[in-house]
């Protein structure tokens, strides 16, 4: 029986049919792999900012909810930085949008190269960036924020071989769970600290303070 099958495979018609099936199978496998790679690429693009290549706000919202819940279970601390490029509109108006885009790309690259592998850097929107540092205390986070601030101000910029002034950044720093136990609270307190940094002259780091309770809640708490 095996001898007869071997003889059949050696006939031109059977061999060509078999070769054709193998080729079709290979094509189908290649197409499947290509589709998987394309889907993964599209999914990755949906979570990345097109200009800087950093994670975008969509990824941030999903990631923070998950990571904060885990940190809470493990009774660990974390830090969230909200960073804004100083006088960015003026920079854009003076040097052009191409220079503005390059400045944002360089700020993003500086952030990515300065943080730890476990940290997450996102472009939060416009000229704002967000850095999340899990398992990090206040001293470490403050030192890291200052290192980022200095690195951004020291970054050289050029367009078409022409050197343009570097940018600076203001940073608001909020600690989990001390000043915020949820994603919304952390971002709110970091934003308030960022506002204070800008009000104090920009190009500096400010640490967030706990959110003041609503007047009704404060009155009830004081009565206990």
N, C-alpha and C. Protein backbone atom coordinates (compact mmCIF):
# COMPACT_ATOMS: atom_id res chain seq x y z
N UNK A 1 0.83 -1.22 0.00
CA UNK A 1 0.00 0.00 0.00
C UNK A 1 0.86 1.26 0.00
N UNK A 2 1.92 1.26 0.88
CA UNK A 2 2.80 2.42 0.93
C UNK A 2 3.53 2.61 -0.39
N UNK A 3 3.88 1.44 -1.02
CA UNK A 3 4.56 1.51 -2.30
C UNK A 3 3.67 2.15 -3.36
N UNK A 4 2.39 1.78 -3.33
CA UNK A 4 1.44 2.34 -4.31
C UNK A 4 1.26 3.84 -4.09
N UNK A 5 1.20 4.28 -2.80
CA UNK A 5 1.06 5.71 -2.51
C UNK A 5 2.29 6.48 -2.99
N UNK A 6 3.46 5.90 -2.77
CA UNK A 6 4.67 6.56 -3.23
C UNK A 6 4.68 6.70 -4.73
N UNK A 7 4.24 5.63 -5.42
CA UNK A 7 4.17 5.69 -6.88
C UNK A 7 3.20 6.76 -7.34
N UNK A 8 2.05 6.89 -6.60
CA UNK A 8 1.04 7.89 -6.98
C UNK A 8 1.57 9.30 -6.82
N UNK A 9 2.37 9.54 -5.76
CA UNK A 9 2.92 10.88 -5.52
C UNK A 9 3.93 11.27 -6.57
N UNK A 10 4.52 10.26 -7.23
CA UNK A 10 5.52 10.57 -8.24
C UNK A 10 4.90 10.88 -9.60
N UNK A 11 3.61 10.66 -9.73
CA UNK A 11 2.96 11.00 -11.00
C UNK A 11 2.80 12.51 -11.09
N UNK A 12 3.03 13.09 -12.31
CA UNK A 12 3.00 14.55 -12.46
C UNK A 12 1.70 15.21 -11.99
N UNK A 13 0.55 14.62 -12.30
CA UNK A 13 -0.72 15.26 -11.95
C UNK A 13 -0.91 15.38 -10.45
N UNK A 14 -0.63 14.28 -9.73
CA UNK A 14 -0.80 14.27 -8.28
C UNK A 14 0.20 15.23 -7.61
N UNK A 15 1.46 15.22 -8.09
CA UNK A 15 2.48 16.08 -7.50
C UNK A 15 2.14 17.55 -7.68
N UNK A 16 1.65 17.92 -8.86
CA UNK A 16 1.28 19.32 -9.12
C UNK A 16 0.11 19.75 -8.23
N UNK A 17 -0.87 18.84 -8.07
CA UNK A 17 -2.01 19.17 -7.22
C UNK A 17 -1.57 19.38 -5.77
N UNK A 18 -0.65 18.50 -5.33
CA UNK A 18 -0.15 18.61 -3.96
C UNK A 18 0.65 19.89 -3.78
N UNK A 19 1.51 20.21 -4.76
CA UNK A 19 2.29 21.46 -4.69
C UNK A 19 1.37 22.67 -4.63
N UNK A 20 0.28 22.59 -5.42
CA UNK A 20 -0.67 23.71 -5.42
C UNK A 20 -1.32 23.89 -4.07
N UNK A 21 -1.69 22.79 -3.41
CA UNK A 21 -2.30 22.87 -2.08
C UNK A 21 -1.32 23.44 -1.05
N UNK A 22 -0.07 23.01 -1.15
CA UNK A 22 0.95 23.50 -0.21
C UNK A 22 1.15 25.01 -0.39
N UNK A 23 1.22 25.46 -1.64
CA UNK A 23 1.39 26.88 -1.91
C UNK A 23 0.22 27.69 -1.37
N UNK A 24 -1.01 27.17 -1.57
CA UNK A 24 -2.19 27.88 -1.06
C UNK A 24 -2.17 27.95 0.46
N UNK A 25 -1.73 26.85 1.08
CA UNK A 25 -1.65 26.82 2.54
C UNK A 25 -0.64 27.83 3.05
N UNK A 26 0.51 27.90 2.36
CA UNK A 26 1.54 28.87 2.75
C UNK A 26 1.02 30.29 2.59
N UNK A 27 0.30 30.55 1.49
CA UNK A 27 -0.26 31.88 1.26
C UNK A 27 -1.27 32.25 2.36
N UNK A 28 -2.09 31.27 2.75
CA UNK A 28 -3.07 31.53 3.79
C UNK A 28 -2.41 31.83 5.13
N UNK A 29 -1.35 31.06 5.44
CA UNK A 29 -0.62 31.29 6.68
C UNK A 29 0.05 32.66 6.68
N UNK A 30 0.64 33.02 5.54
CA UNK A 30 1.30 34.32 5.42
C UNK A 30 0.30 35.45 5.59
N UNK A 31 -0.88 35.29 4.97
CA UNK A 31 -1.92 36.30 5.08
C UNK A 31 -2.40 36.43 6.52
N UNK A 32 -2.54 35.30 7.21
CA UNK A 32 -2.98 35.32 8.61
C UNK A 32 -1.97 36.04 9.49
N UNK A 33 -0.68 35.73 9.26
CA UNK A 33 0.37 36.39 10.04
C UNK A 33 0.40 37.88 9.75
N UNK A 34 0.23 38.24 8.47
CA UNK A 34 0.22 39.66 8.10
C UNK A 34 -0.95 40.38 8.76
N UNK A 35 -2.11 39.73 8.79
CA UNK A 35 -3.29 40.34 9.42
C UNK A 35 -3.09 40.52 10.92
N UNK A 36 -2.46 39.54 11.55
CA UNK A 36 -2.17 39.65 12.99
C UNK A 36 -1.22 40.81 13.25
N UNK A 37 -0.15 40.89 12.45
CA UNK A 37 0.82 41.97 12.61
C UNK A 37 0.17 43.33 12.36
N UNK A 38 -0.70 43.40 11.35
CA UNK A 38 -1.38 44.65 11.03
C UNK A 38 -2.31 45.05 12.17
N UNK A 39 -3.05 44.07 12.71
CA UNK A 39 -3.96 44.38 13.81
C UNK A 39 -3.20 44.87 15.03
N UNK A 40 -2.08 44.21 15.34
CA UNK A 40 -1.27 44.63 16.48
C UNK A 40 -0.71 46.03 16.25
N UNK A 41 -0.30 46.32 15.00
CA UNK A 41 0.23 47.63 14.68
C UNK A 41 -0.85 48.71 14.82
N UNK A 42 -2.06 48.41 14.34
CA UNK A 42 -3.16 49.36 14.44
C UNK A 42 -3.56 49.59 15.89
N UNK A 43 -3.57 48.51 16.68
CA UNK A 43 -3.91 48.64 18.09
C UNK A 43 -2.86 49.49 18.81
N UNK A 44 -1.60 49.28 18.44
CA UNK A 44 -0.52 50.07 19.05
C UNK A 44 -0.62 51.53 18.65
N UNK A 45 -0.95 51.77 17.36
CA UNK A 45 -1.09 53.15 16.88
C UNK A 45 -2.23 53.86 17.59
N UNK A 46 -3.29 53.12 17.93
CA UNK A 46 -4.44 53.71 18.60
C UNK A 46 -4.10 54.17 20.01
N UNK A 47 -3.02 53.62 20.57
CA UNK A 47 -2.61 53.97 21.93
C UNK A 47 -1.41 54.89 21.96
N UNK A 48 -0.92 55.29 20.78
CA UNK A 48 0.28 56.12 20.70
C UNK A 48 -0.04 57.49 20.09
N UNK A 49 0.70 58.48 20.55
CA UNK A 49 0.59 59.82 19.98
C UNK A 49 1.38 59.86 18.68
N UNK A 50 0.77 60.38 17.62
CA UNK A 50 1.41 60.36 16.32
C UNK A 50 2.65 61.22 16.22
N UNK A 51 2.73 62.30 16.98
CA UNK A 51 3.87 63.22 16.87
C UNK A 51 5.06 62.75 17.69
N UNK A 52 4.84 62.37 18.93
CA UNK A 52 5.95 62.05 19.82
C UNK A 52 6.23 60.55 19.95
N UNK A 53 5.25 59.72 19.57
CA UNK A 53 5.41 58.29 19.75
C UNK A 53 5.14 57.82 21.17
N UNK A 54 4.81 58.74 22.06
CA UNK A 54 4.49 58.38 23.44
C UNK A 54 3.08 57.81 23.52
N UNK A 55 2.75 57.21 24.64
CA UNK A 55 1.38 56.77 24.86
C UNK A 55 0.46 57.99 24.86
N UNK A 56 -0.80 57.77 24.49
CA UNK A 56 -1.75 58.87 24.45
C UNK A 56 -2.70 58.80 25.65
N UNK A 57 -3.67 59.71 25.65
CA UNK A 57 -4.57 59.83 26.79
C UNK A 57 -5.48 58.62 26.93
N UNK A 58 -5.84 58.01 25.82
CA UNK A 58 -6.67 56.81 25.87
C UNK A 58 -5.99 55.71 26.65
N UNK A 59 -4.71 55.49 26.35
CA UNK A 59 -3.94 54.48 27.08
C UNK A 59 -3.83 54.86 28.55
N UNK A 60 -3.59 56.15 28.79
CA UNK A 60 -3.40 56.63 30.16
C UNK A 60 -4.61 56.30 31.03
N UNK A 61 -5.80 56.60 30.54
CA UNK A 61 -7.00 56.38 31.33
C UNK A 61 -7.15 54.91 31.73
N UNK A 62 -6.91 54.01 30.78
CA UNK A 62 -7.04 52.58 31.07
C UNK A 62 -5.94 52.10 32.01
N UNK A 63 -4.72 52.57 31.78
CA UNK A 63 -3.58 52.13 32.58
C UNK A 63 -3.68 52.60 34.03
N UNK A 64 -4.05 53.86 34.24
CA UNK A 64 -4.09 54.39 35.59
C UNK A 64 -5.11 53.68 36.47
N UNK A 65 -6.28 53.42 35.92
CA UNK A 65 -7.31 52.73 36.70
C UNK A 65 -6.79 51.38 37.18
N UNK A 66 -6.15 50.65 36.29
CA UNK A 66 -5.62 49.32 36.64
C UNK A 66 -4.47 49.41 37.63
N UNK A 67 -3.50 50.29 37.36
CA UNK A 67 -2.30 50.35 38.19
C UNK A 67 -2.59 50.92 39.59
N UNK A 68 -3.46 51.90 39.68
CA UNK A 68 -3.79 52.47 40.99
C UNK A 68 -4.50 51.45 41.86
N UNK A 69 -5.36 50.64 41.26
CA UNK A 69 -6.04 49.60 42.02
C UNK A 69 -5.03 48.59 42.58
N UNK A 70 -4.05 48.23 41.78
CA UNK A 70 -3.02 47.28 42.23
C UNK A 70 -2.15 47.90 43.33
N UNK A 71 -1.78 49.16 43.15
CA UNK A 71 -0.97 49.84 44.17
C UNK A 71 -1.72 49.94 45.50
N UNK A 72 -3.02 50.18 45.40
CA UNK A 72 -3.83 50.27 46.62
C UNK A 72 -3.87 48.92 47.33
N UNK A 73 -4.04 47.83 46.58
CA UNK A 73 -4.06 46.50 47.18
C UNK A 73 -2.74 46.18 47.87
N UNK A 74 -1.64 46.62 47.25
CA UNK A 74 -0.31 46.32 47.77
C UNK A 74 0.19 47.35 48.77
N UNK A 75 -0.65 48.38 49.06
CA UNK A 75 -0.29 49.45 50.00
C UNK A 75 1.02 50.14 49.60
N UNK A 76 1.14 50.46 48.30
CA UNK A 76 2.34 51.11 47.79
C UNK A 76 2.04 52.54 47.34
N UNK A 77 3.09 53.32 47.23
CA UNK A 77 2.96 54.72 46.83
C UNK A 77 3.29 54.88 45.34
N UNK A 78 2.91 56.01 44.80
CA UNK A 78 3.21 56.33 43.41
C UNK A 78 3.18 57.84 43.25
N UNK A 79 3.75 58.29 42.14
CA UNK A 79 3.77 59.72 41.85
C UNK A 79 3.23 59.97 40.45
N UNK A 80 2.58 61.11 40.29
CA UNK A 80 2.07 61.52 38.99
C UNK A 80 2.53 62.95 38.73
N UNK A 81 3.20 63.14 37.60
CA UNK A 81 3.66 64.47 37.20
C UNK A 81 2.85 64.97 36.02
N UNK A 82 2.42 66.18 36.11
CA UNK A 82 1.79 66.85 34.98
C UNK A 82 2.72 67.98 34.56
N UNK A 83 3.15 67.94 33.32
CA UNK A 83 4.19 68.84 32.82
C UNK A 83 3.66 69.66 31.66
N UNK A 84 3.97 70.93 31.66
CA UNK A 84 3.51 71.83 30.59
C UNK A 84 4.70 72.64 30.06
N UNK A 85 4.85 72.67 28.74
CA UNK A 85 5.94 73.46 28.13
C UNK A 85 5.60 74.94 28.28
N UNK A 86 6.53 75.68 28.84
CA UNK A 86 6.29 77.09 29.15
C UNK A 86 6.19 77.94 27.88
N UNK A 87 5.24 78.87 27.89
CA UNK A 87 5.06 79.85 26.81
C UNK A 87 5.08 79.18 25.42
N UNK A 88 4.41 78.04 25.31
CA UNK A 88 4.49 77.30 24.05
C UNK A 88 3.83 78.05 22.89
N UNK A 89 2.73 78.71 23.15
CA UNK A 89 2.06 79.46 22.08
C UNK A 89 2.98 80.55 21.54
N UNK A 90 3.67 81.24 22.45
CA UNK A 90 4.61 82.28 22.03
C UNK A 90 5.75 81.67 21.22
N UNK A 91 6.22 80.50 21.66
CA UNK A 91 7.29 79.81 20.94
C UNK A 91 6.83 79.46 19.53
N UNK A 92 5.62 78.93 19.41
CA UNK A 92 5.05 78.58 18.11
C UNK A 92 4.92 79.81 17.21
N UNK A 93 4.39 80.89 17.77
CA UNK A 93 4.18 82.11 17.00
C UNK A 93 5.50 82.72 16.53
N UNK A 94 6.53 82.58 17.35
CA UNK A 94 7.83 83.18 17.03
C UNK A 94 8.63 82.33 16.04
N UNK A 95 8.65 81.03 16.25
CA UNK A 95 9.54 80.16 15.48
C UNK A 95 8.81 79.26 14.47
N UNK A 96 7.49 79.25 14.51
CA UNK A 96 6.73 78.46 13.54
C UNK A 96 6.31 77.10 14.10
N UNK A 97 5.29 76.53 13.47
CA UNK A 97 4.74 75.26 13.95
C UNK A 97 5.71 74.10 13.77
N UNK A 98 6.55 74.16 12.77
CA UNK A 98 7.54 73.08 12.60
C UNK A 98 8.49 73.04 13.79
N UNK A 99 8.90 74.22 14.24
CA UNK A 99 9.76 74.28 15.42
C UNK A 99 9.01 73.83 16.66
N UNK A 100 7.72 74.18 16.73
CA UNK A 100 6.92 73.74 17.86
C UNK A 100 6.79 72.23 17.92
N UNK A 101 6.56 71.61 16.77
CA UNK A 101 6.48 70.15 16.73
C UNK A 101 7.80 69.51 17.13
N UNK A 102 8.89 70.08 16.66
CA UNK A 102 10.20 69.54 17.01
C UNK A 102 10.45 69.67 18.51
N UNK A 103 10.03 70.78 19.09
CA UNK A 103 10.19 70.98 20.53
C UNK A 103 9.42 69.93 21.31
N UNK A 104 8.20 69.64 20.88
CA UNK A 104 7.39 68.62 21.56
C UNK A 104 8.01 67.24 21.41
N UNK A 105 8.53 66.95 20.22
CA UNK A 105 9.20 65.65 20.02
C UNK A 105 10.41 65.52 20.94
N UNK A 106 11.19 66.59 21.07
CA UNK A 106 12.40 66.53 21.90
C UNK A 106 12.05 66.43 23.38
N UNK A 107 10.99 67.13 23.79
CA UNK A 107 10.55 67.01 25.19
C UNK A 107 10.10 65.56 25.46
N UNK A 108 9.34 64.99 24.53
CA UNK A 108 8.90 63.61 24.69
C UNK A 108 10.08 62.65 24.76
N UNK A 109 11.07 62.84 23.90
CA UNK A 109 12.25 61.97 23.90
C UNK A 109 13.04 62.13 25.19
N UNK A 110 13.13 63.35 25.69
CA UNK A 110 13.84 63.61 26.95
C UNK A 110 13.15 62.91 28.11
N UNK A 111 11.83 62.99 28.14
CA UNK A 111 11.07 62.32 29.19
C UNK A 111 11.29 60.80 29.13
N UNK A 112 11.17 60.24 27.94
CA UNK A 112 11.30 58.80 27.78
C UNK A 112 12.68 58.29 28.18
N UNK A 113 13.71 59.09 27.95
CA UNK A 113 15.07 58.66 28.25
C UNK A 113 15.47 58.94 29.70
N UNK A 114 14.65 59.69 30.42
CA UNK A 114 15.00 60.07 31.79
C UNK A 114 14.32 59.19 32.84
N UNK A 115 13.17 58.63 32.52
CA UNK A 115 12.43 57.85 33.51
C UNK A 115 12.89 56.40 33.55
N UNK A 116 12.36 55.67 34.52
CA UNK A 116 12.67 54.25 34.66
C UNK A 116 11.87 53.43 33.65
N UNK A 117 12.27 52.18 33.47
CA UNK A 117 11.54 51.30 32.55
C UNK A 117 10.13 51.04 33.03
N UNK A 118 9.91 51.08 34.34
CA UNK A 118 8.58 50.81 34.92
C UNK A 118 7.67 52.04 34.88
N UNK A 119 8.22 53.21 34.57
CA UNK A 119 7.43 54.45 34.52
C UNK A 119 6.70 54.56 33.19
N UNK A 120 5.66 55.35 33.16
CA UNK A 120 4.86 55.54 31.95
C UNK A 120 4.82 57.02 31.60
N UNK A 121 5.14 57.33 30.34
CA UNK A 121 5.12 58.71 29.85
C UNK A 121 4.03 58.84 28.79
N UNK A 122 3.19 59.82 28.93
CA UNK A 122 2.09 60.05 27.98
C UNK A 122 2.09 61.51 27.53
N UNK A 123 1.67 61.70 26.29
CA UNK A 123 1.34 63.06 25.87
C UNK A 123 -0.11 63.28 26.26
N UNK A 124 -0.31 64.18 27.20
CA UNK A 124 -1.64 64.35 27.79
C UNK A 124 -2.55 65.19 26.90
N UNK A 125 -1.94 66.05 26.08
CA UNK A 125 -2.73 66.89 25.19
C UNK A 125 -2.00 68.20 24.92
N UNK A 126 -1.93 68.61 23.65
CA UNK A 126 -1.24 69.87 23.33
C UNK A 126 0.20 69.83 23.77
N UNK A 127 0.58 70.80 24.60
CA UNK A 127 1.95 70.87 25.11
C UNK A 127 2.07 70.29 26.52
N UNK A 128 1.08 69.51 26.94
CA UNK A 128 1.10 68.89 28.26
C UNK A 128 1.49 67.42 28.17
N UNK A 129 2.29 67.00 29.13
CA UNK A 129 2.73 65.61 29.23
C UNK A 129 2.43 65.10 30.64
N UNK A 130 2.26 63.81 30.75
CA UNK A 130 2.03 63.20 32.07
C UNK A 130 3.01 62.05 32.26
N UNK A 131 3.59 62.00 33.46
CA UNK A 131 4.52 60.92 33.81
C UNK A 131 4.00 60.23 35.06
N UNK A 132 3.85 58.92 34.98
CA UNK A 132 3.38 58.14 36.12
C UNK A 132 4.51 57.26 36.62
N UNK A 133 4.82 57.37 37.92
CA UNK A 133 5.93 56.63 38.52
C UNK A 133 5.39 55.72 39.62
N UNK A 134 5.14 54.46 39.33
CA UNK A 134 4.65 53.54 40.36
C UNK A 134 5.74 53.18 41.35
N UNK A 135 5.30 52.84 42.57
CA UNK A 135 6.24 52.40 43.62
C UNK A 135 7.36 53.43 43.80
N UNK A 136 6.96 54.66 44.09
CA UNK A 136 7.92 55.76 44.18
C UNK A 136 7.49 56.67 45.33
N UNK A 137 8.44 57.06 46.20
CA UNK A 137 8.08 57.94 47.30
C UNK A 137 8.31 59.40 46.92
N UNK A 138 7.97 60.31 47.83
CA UNK A 138 8.02 61.74 47.53
C UNK A 138 9.44 62.22 47.22
N UNK A 139 10.41 61.76 47.99
CA UNK A 139 11.79 62.20 47.77
C UNK A 139 12.29 61.78 46.39
N UNK A 140 12.02 60.53 46.02
CA UNK A 140 12.44 60.03 44.70
C UNK A 140 11.72 60.79 43.58
N UNK A 141 10.42 61.01 43.77
CA UNK A 141 9.64 61.68 42.73
C UNK A 141 10.08 63.13 42.55
N UNK A 142 10.36 63.82 43.65
CA UNK A 142 10.81 65.21 43.57
C UNK A 142 12.15 65.30 42.86
N UNK A 143 13.06 64.40 43.20
CA UNK A 143 14.37 64.38 42.54
C UNK A 143 14.23 64.10 41.05
N UNK A 144 13.34 63.16 40.70
CA UNK A 144 13.13 62.82 39.30
C UNK A 144 12.51 63.99 38.54
N UNK A 145 11.55 64.67 39.15
CA UNK A 145 10.91 65.82 38.51
C UNK A 145 11.93 66.93 38.25
N UNK A 146 12.80 67.16 39.20
CA UNK A 146 13.82 68.20 39.03
C UNK A 146 14.82 67.80 37.94
N UNK A 147 15.16 66.52 37.89
CA UNK A 147 16.07 66.04 36.85
C UNK A 147 15.44 66.22 35.47
N UNK A 148 14.15 65.95 35.35
CA UNK A 148 13.43 66.14 34.09
C UNK A 148 13.42 67.61 33.70
N UNK A 149 13.11 68.46 34.67
CA UNK A 149 13.05 69.90 34.39
C UNK A 149 14.39 70.41 33.84
N UNK A 150 15.48 70.02 34.50
CA UNK A 150 16.82 70.46 34.07
C UNK A 150 17.15 69.90 32.70
N UNK A 151 16.82 68.63 32.46
CA UNK A 151 17.14 67.99 31.18
C UNK A 151 16.41 68.68 30.03
N UNK A 152 15.15 69.06 30.25
CA UNK A 152 14.39 69.74 29.19
C UNK A 152 14.99 71.10 28.88
N UNK A 153 15.34 71.85 29.89
CA UNK A 153 15.90 73.19 29.66
C UNK A 153 17.28 73.13 29.00
N UNK A 154 17.96 71.99 29.13
CA UNK A 154 19.30 71.83 28.54
C UNK A 154 19.24 71.23 27.14
N UNK A 155 18.06 70.89 26.67
CA UNK A 155 17.93 70.26 25.35
C UNK A 155 18.08 71.29 24.25
N UNK A 156 18.98 71.03 23.31
CA UNK A 156 19.19 71.95 22.19
C UNK A 156 18.21 71.64 21.06
N UNK A 157 17.78 72.66 20.37
CA UNK A 157 16.82 72.53 19.28
C UNK A 157 17.37 73.18 18.02
N UNK A 158 17.07 72.57 16.89
CA UNK A 158 17.46 73.17 15.62
C UNK A 158 16.50 72.73 14.53
N UNK A 159 16.27 73.61 13.58
CA UNK A 159 15.41 73.34 12.43
C UNK A 159 16.17 73.70 11.17
N UNK A 160 16.38 72.73 10.29
CA UNK A 160 17.10 73.00 9.05
C UNK A 160 18.50 73.52 9.28
N UNK A 161 19.14 73.03 10.35
CA UNK A 161 20.50 73.47 10.65
C UNK A 161 20.56 74.77 11.42
N UNK A 162 19.42 75.41 11.64
CA UNK A 162 19.40 76.67 12.38
C UNK A 162 19.04 76.40 13.84
N UNK A 163 19.89 76.85 14.74
CA UNK A 163 19.66 76.64 16.17
C UNK A 163 18.58 77.60 16.65
N UNK A 164 17.63 77.07 17.42
CA UNK A 164 16.58 77.89 18.00
C UNK A 164 16.62 77.73 19.52
N UNK A 165 16.08 78.71 20.24
CA UNK A 165 16.14 78.64 21.71
C UNK A 165 15.47 77.38 22.25
N UNK A 166 16.02 76.87 23.34
CA UNK A 166 15.42 75.70 23.99
C UNK A 166 14.17 76.12 24.76
N UNK A 167 13.38 75.15 25.13
CA UNK A 167 12.17 75.43 25.90
C UNK A 167 12.39 75.02 27.35
N UNK A 168 11.50 75.48 28.21
CA UNK A 168 11.50 75.06 29.61
C UNK A 168 10.13 74.47 29.93
N UNK A 169 10.02 73.89 31.10
CA UNK A 169 8.75 73.26 31.48
C UNK A 169 8.47 73.47 32.96
N UNK A 170 7.20 73.60 33.26
CA UNK A 170 6.72 73.65 34.64
C UNK A 170 6.10 72.29 34.97
N UNK A 171 6.28 71.85 36.22
CA UNK A 171 5.83 70.50 36.60
C UNK A 171 5.03 70.55 37.90
N UNK A 172 3.87 69.92 37.88
CA UNK A 172 3.09 69.72 39.09
C UNK A 172 3.18 68.26 39.48
N UNK A 173 3.49 68.00 40.75
CA UNK A 173 3.74 66.65 41.23
C UNK A 173 2.71 66.27 42.29
N UNK A 174 2.04 65.16 42.10
CA UNK A 174 1.04 64.67 43.06
C UNK A 174 1.38 63.25 43.48
N UNK A 175 1.19 62.97 44.78
CA UNK A 175 1.54 61.65 45.32
C UNK A 175 0.29 60.83 45.63
N UNK A 176 0.37 59.55 45.29
CA UNK A 176 -0.67 58.58 45.61
C UNK A 176 -0.22 57.74 46.80
N UNK A 177 -1.05 57.58 47.83
CA UNK A 177 -2.43 58.07 47.95
C UNK A 177 -2.56 59.35 48.77
N UNK A 178 -1.43 59.98 49.08
CA UNK A 178 -1.45 61.10 50.04
C UNK A 178 -2.38 62.24 49.62
N UNK A 179 -2.33 62.63 48.34
CA UNK A 179 -3.15 63.78 47.91
C UNK A 179 -4.21 63.39 46.89
N UNK A 180 -4.30 62.09 46.58
CA UNK A 180 -5.30 61.64 45.64
C UNK A 180 -5.35 60.13 45.60
N UNK A 181 -6.53 59.57 45.79
CA UNK A 181 -6.67 58.11 45.81
C UNK A 181 -7.26 57.57 44.52
N UNK A 182 -7.64 58.49 43.62
CA UNK A 182 -8.21 58.06 42.33
C UNK A 182 -7.47 58.78 41.20
N UNK A 183 -7.69 58.28 40.00
CA UNK A 183 -7.08 58.92 38.83
C UNK A 183 -7.49 60.38 38.73
N UNK A 184 -8.78 60.66 38.89
CA UNK A 184 -9.27 62.03 38.76
C UNK A 184 -8.67 62.95 39.82
N UNK A 185 -8.57 62.46 41.06
CA UNK A 185 -8.01 63.27 42.14
C UNK A 185 -6.53 63.55 41.92
N UNK A 186 -5.80 62.53 41.48
CA UNK A 186 -4.36 62.73 41.24
C UNK A 186 -4.11 63.77 40.16
N UNK A 187 -4.85 63.65 39.06
CA UNK A 187 -4.66 64.60 37.96
C UNK A 187 -5.09 66.00 38.39
N UNK A 188 -6.17 66.10 39.14
CA UNK A 188 -6.64 67.40 39.60
C UNK A 188 -5.63 68.08 40.51
N UNK A 189 -5.07 67.33 41.46
CA UNK A 189 -4.10 67.93 42.37
C UNK A 189 -2.79 68.25 41.66
N UNK A 190 -2.39 67.41 40.73
CA UNK A 190 -1.18 67.70 39.95
C UNK A 190 -1.38 68.94 39.09
N UNK A 191 -2.58 69.11 38.55
CA UNK A 191 -2.88 70.27 37.73
C UNK A 191 -2.84 71.55 38.56
N UNK A 192 -3.34 71.47 39.79
CA UNK A 192 -3.29 72.63 40.68
C UNK A 192 -1.85 72.99 41.02
N UNK A 193 -1.03 71.98 41.25
CA UNK A 193 0.39 72.23 41.53
C UNK A 193 1.08 72.83 40.31
N UNK A 194 0.73 72.35 39.13
CA UNK A 194 1.28 72.91 37.89
C UNK A 194 0.89 74.37 37.75
N UNK A 195 -0.35 74.70 38.06
CA UNK A 195 -0.81 76.09 37.99
C UNK A 195 0.00 76.97 38.95
N UNK A 196 0.29 76.44 40.14
CA UNK A 196 1.11 77.19 41.10
C UNK A 196 2.53 77.37 40.59
N UNK A 197 3.07 76.35 39.92
CA UNK A 197 4.43 76.45 39.37
C UNK A 197 4.50 77.55 38.31
N UNK A 198 3.48 77.64 37.49
CA UNK A 198 3.45 78.68 36.46
C UNK A 198 3.28 80.06 37.11
N UNK A 199 2.44 80.13 38.13
CA UNK A 199 2.23 81.39 38.81
C UNK A 199 3.46 81.88 39.54
N UNK A 200 4.31 80.96 39.95
CA UNK A 200 5.53 81.32 40.68
C UNK A 200 6.69 81.69 39.77
N UNK A 201 6.47 81.68 38.45
CA UNK A 201 7.52 82.09 37.54
C UNK A 201 7.89 81.07 36.47
N UNK A 202 7.26 79.90 36.49
CA UNK A 202 7.52 78.85 35.51
C UNK A 202 8.91 78.22 35.67
N UNK A 203 9.16 77.17 34.88
CA UNK A 203 10.43 76.45 34.91
C UNK A 203 10.78 76.01 36.33
N UNK A 204 9.81 75.35 36.96
CA UNK A 204 10.02 74.88 38.33
C UNK A 204 9.07 73.73 38.64
N UNK A 205 9.34 73.08 39.78
CA UNK A 205 8.53 71.95 40.23
C UNK A 205 7.76 72.36 41.47
N UNK A 206 6.47 72.06 41.49
CA UNK A 206 5.64 72.31 42.67
C UNK A 206 4.96 71.00 43.07
N UNK A 207 4.94 70.74 44.39
CA UNK A 207 4.30 69.53 44.91
C UNK A 207 2.86 69.83 45.30
N UNK A 208 1.98 68.93 44.95
CA UNK A 208 0.55 69.12 45.20
C UNK A 208 0.21 69.01 46.68
N UNK A 209 -0.84 69.72 47.04
CA UNK A 209 -1.39 69.64 48.39
C UNK A 209 -2.71 68.89 48.34
N UNK A 210 -3.13 68.30 49.46
CA UNK A 210 -4.42 67.58 49.46
C UNK A 210 -5.56 68.49 49.03
N UNK A 211 -6.54 67.90 48.36
CA UNK A 211 -7.71 68.65 47.94
C UNK A 211 -8.52 69.04 49.17
N UNK A 212 -8.88 70.30 49.24
CA UNK A 212 -9.70 70.75 50.36
C UNK A 212 -11.09 70.16 50.24
N UNK A 213 -11.67 69.66 51.36
CA UNK A 213 -13.02 69.10 51.29
C UNK A 213 -14.05 70.18 51.02
N UNK A 214 -15.19 69.77 50.49
CA UNK A 214 -16.27 70.71 50.25
C UNK A 214 -16.71 71.33 51.58
N UNK A 215 -17.20 72.60 51.56
CA UNK A 215 -17.59 73.28 52.80
C UNK A 215 -18.54 72.47 53.66
N UNK A 216 -19.54 71.80 53.06
CA UNK A 216 -20.50 71.03 53.83
C UNK A 216 -19.82 69.87 54.53
N UNK A 217 -18.91 69.19 53.79
CA UNK A 217 -18.20 68.05 54.36
C UNK A 217 -17.27 68.51 55.47
N UNK A 218 -16.59 69.65 55.25
CA UNK A 218 -15.65 70.16 56.25
C UNK A 218 -16.38 70.51 57.54
N UNK A 219 -17.55 71.13 57.42
CA UNK A 219 -18.33 71.50 58.60
C UNK A 219 -18.78 70.27 59.36
N UNK A 220 -19.24 69.25 58.63
CA UNK A 220 -19.69 68.01 59.27
C UNK A 220 -18.53 67.31 59.96
N UNK A 221 -17.37 67.32 59.31
CA UNK A 221 -16.20 66.65 59.89
C UNK A 221 -15.75 67.37 61.16
N UNK A 222 -15.80 68.70 61.14
CA UNK A 222 -15.36 69.48 62.30
C UNK A 222 -16.30 69.27 63.48
N UNK A 223 -17.56 68.94 63.21
CA UNK A 223 -18.54 68.78 64.29
C UNK A 223 -18.39 67.44 64.99
N UNK A 224 -17.66 66.50 64.37
CA UNK A 224 -17.52 65.17 64.98
C UNK A 224 -16.51 65.19 66.13
